[in-house]
Amino acid sequence: MPTLKQVLPENADSHHASALLDVDVVAVKLNTGAPCPSHADPFEAWPGEGNAVRQWFVLANGKAVGIDEAPGSAPICRIVAYTAPGRP
């Protein structure tokens, strides 16, 4: 599995995620609607703050890191605790 530092865009401000850079990524999610039900797995609404998160990563430690790409500013890492839908 890749680590977070291997999948983050080079221009993303990862200062807030520096403690998570060596954690394994277990899933990549896209914050848009699935084209059809049979391809829905990688699509899920971002569960945290940030209006411009299009891509986010589920980490092996139960955190999720979203890349907030607001127009006019550098991409910022947003971090939330994450539980997969349907899991306690």
C-alpha atoms as a PDB file:
ATOM      1  CA  MET A   1       0.000   0.000   0.000  1.00  0.00           C
ATOM      2  CA  PRO A   2       1.256   3.496  -0.692  1.00  0.00           C
ATOM      3  CA  THR A   3       1.763   5.964   2.137  1.00  0.00           C
ATOM      4  CA  LEU A   4       0.086   9.345   2.287  1.00  0.00           C
ATOM      5  CA  LYS A   5       3.263  11.180   1.263  1.00  0.00           C
ATOM      6  CA  GLN A   6       3.401   9.058  -1.911  1.00  0.00           C
ATOM      7  CA  VAL A   7      -0.088  10.051  -3.063  1.00  0.00           C
ATOM      8  CA  LEU A   8      -0.365  13.697  -1.994  1.00  0.00           C
ATOM      9  CA  PRO A   9      -0.012  16.264  -4.764  1.00  0.00           C
ATOM     10  CA  GLU A  10       3.385  17.976  -4.646  1.00  0.00           C
ATOM     11  CA  ASN A  11       1.792  21.411  -4.284  1.00  0.00           C
ATOM     12  CA  ALA A  12      -0.450  20.436  -1.325  1.00  0.00           C
ATOM     13  CA  ASP A  13       0.227  22.133   2.010  1.00  0.00           C
ATOM     14  CA  SER A  14       0.784  19.018   4.129  1.00  0.00           C
ATOM     15  CA  HIS A  15       1.940  20.849   7.285  1.00  0.00           C
ATOM     16  CA  HIS A  16      -1.190  19.794   9.225  1.00  0.00           C
ATOM     17  CA  ALA A  17      -0.800  16.201   8.006  1.00  0.00           C
ATOM     18  CA  SER A  18       2.931  15.856   8.679  1.00  0.00           C
ATOM     19  CA  ALA A  19       2.367  13.230  11.422  1.00  0.00           C
ATOM     20  CA  LEU A  20       0.346  11.141   8.951  1.00  0.00           C
ATOM     21  CA  LEU A  21       2.705  11.166   5.959  1.00  0.00           C
ATOM     22  CA  ASP A  22       4.045   7.649   6.643  1.00  0.00           C
ATOM     23  CA  VAL A  23       0.623   6.068   7.294  1.00  0.00           C
ATOM     24  CA  ASP A  24      -0.668   3.600   4.669  1.00  0.00           C
ATOM     25  CA  VAL A  25      -3.513   4.672   2.388  1.00  0.00           C
ATOM     26  CA  VAL A  26      -6.212   1.971   2.297  1.00  0.00           C
ATOM     27  CA  ALA A  27      -8.635   3.707  -0.095  1.00  0.00           C
ATOM     28  CA  VAL A  28      -8.883   6.667  -2.434  1.00  0.00           C
ATOM     29  CA  LYS A  29     -12.251   8.412  -2.609  1.00  0.00           C
ATOM     30  CA  LEU A  30     -13.718  10.925  -5.039  1.00  0.00           C
ATOM     31  CA  ASN A  31     -16.206  13.487  -3.762  1.00  0.00           C
ATOM     32  CA  THR A  32     -18.546  13.338  -6.747  1.00  0.00           C
ATOM     33  CA  GLY A  33     -21.466  11.200  -7.807  1.00  0.00           C
ATOM     34  CA  ALA A  34     -20.845   7.711  -9.135  1.00  0.00           C
ATOM     35  CA  PRO A  35     -21.574   7.220 -12.830  1.00  0.00           C
ATOM     36  CA  CYS A  36     -23.536   4.038 -12.045  1.00  0.00           C
ATOM     37  CA  PRO A  37     -24.160   1.752  -9.033  1.00  0.00           C
ATOM     38  CA  SER A  38     -21.677  -0.877 -10.197  1.00  0.00           C
ATOM     39  CA  HIS A  39     -18.838   1.690  -9.987  1.00  0.00           C
ATOM     40  CA  ALA A  40     -19.888   3.413  -6.736  1.00  0.00           C
ATOM     41  CA  ASP A  41     -17.079   2.163  -4.415  1.00  0.00           C
ATOM     42  CA  PRO A  42     -14.572   5.003  -4.951  1.00  0.00           C
ATOM     43  CA  PHE A  43     -17.270   7.710  -4.680  1.00  0.00           C
ATOM     44  CA  GLU A  44     -18.268   9.075  -1.294  1.00  0.00           C
ATOM     45  CA  ALA A  45     -19.032  12.556   0.025  1.00  0.00           C
ATOM     46  CA  TRP A  46     -16.154  14.112   1.957  1.00  0.00           C
ATOM     47  CA  PRO A  47     -17.110  13.834   5.664  1.00  0.00           C
ATOM     48  CA  GLY A  48     -15.236  16.917   6.858  1.00  0.00           C
ATOM     49  CA  GLU A  49     -14.855  20.654   6.390  1.00  0.00           C
ATOM     50  CA  GLY A  50     -13.809  22.160   3.099  1.00  0.00           C
ATOM     51  CA  ASN A  51     -15.999  23.000   0.131  1.00  0.00           C
ATOM     52  CA  ALA A  52     -13.462  22.207  -2.566  1.00  0.00           C
ATOM     53  CA  VAL A  53     -12.396  18.653  -1.634  1.00  0.00           C
ATOM     54  CA  ARG A  54     -12.589  16.513  -4.774  1.00  0.00           C
ATOM     55  CA  GLN A  55     -10.211  13.714  -3.780  1.00  0.00           C
ATOM     56  CA  TRP A  56      -9.521  12.226  -0.370  1.00  0.00           C
ATOM     57  CA  PHE A  57      -7.687   9.319   1.198  1.00  0.00           C
ATOM     58  CA  VAL A  58      -8.706   6.806   3.868  1.00  0.00           C
ATOM     59  CA  LEU A  59      -5.751   5.912   6.079  1.00  0.00           C
ATOM     60  CA  ALA A  60      -4.993   2.677   7.926  1.00  0.00           C
ATOM     61  CA  ASN A  61      -5.162   4.501  11.277  1.00  0.00           C
ATOM     62  CA  GLY A  62      -8.836   5.517  10.962  1.00  0.00           C
ATOM     63  CA  LYS A  63      -8.217   9.037   9.669  1.00  0.00           C
ATOM     64  CA  ALA A  64      -9.160  10.548   6.344  1.00  0.00           C
ATOM     65  CA  VAL A  65      -7.214  13.293   4.574  1.00  0.00           C
ATOM     66  CA  GLY A  66      -8.922  15.463   1.981  1.00  0.00           C
ATOM     67  CA  ILE A  67      -7.233  17.812  -0.453  1.00  0.00           C
ATOM     68  CA  ASP A  68      -9.116  21.126  -0.287  1.00  0.00           C
ATOM     69  CA  GLU A  69      -8.432  22.868  -3.599  1.00  0.00           C
ATOM     70  CA  ALA A  70     -10.227  26.178  -3.117  1.00  0.00           C
ATOM     71  CA  PRO A  71      -9.790  28.508  -6.091  1.00  0.00           C
ATOM     72  CA  GLY A  72      -7.090  31.119  -5.605  1.00  0.00           C
ATOM     73  CA  SER A  73      -5.149  29.281  -2.897  1.00  0.00           C
ATOM     74  CA  ALA A  74      -2.743  26.376  -2.581  1.00  0.00           C
ATOM     75  CA  PRO A  75      -4.286  22.965  -1.861  1.00  0.00           C
ATOM     76  CA  ILE A  76      -4.649  22.299   1.885  1.00  0.00           C
ATOM     77  CA  CYS A  77      -4.865  18.950   3.685  1.00  0.00           C
ATOM     78  CA  ARG A  78      -8.024  18.550   5.793  1.00  0.00           C
ATOM     79  CA  ILE A  79      -8.049  15.745   8.391  1.00  0.00           C
ATOM     80  CA  VAL A  80     -11.003  13.957  10.016  1.00  0.00           C
ATOM     81  CA  ALA A  81     -11.631  10.751  11.928  1.00  0.00           C
ATOM     82  CA  TYR A  82     -13.261   8.294   9.521  1.00  0.00           C
ATOM     83  CA  THR A  83     -15.560   5.310   9.864  1.00  0.00           C
ATOM     84  CA  ALA A  84     -16.761   3.630   6.679  1.00  0.00           C
ATOM     85  CA  PRO A  85     -20.518   3.887   6.082  1.00  0.00           C
ATOM     86  CA  GLY A  86     -22.349   0.893   7.525  1.00  0.00           C
ATOM     87  CA  ARG A  87     -19.624   0.200  10.106  1.00  0.00           C
ATOM     88  CA  PRO A  88     -19.883   0.980  13.828  1.00  0.00           C
END
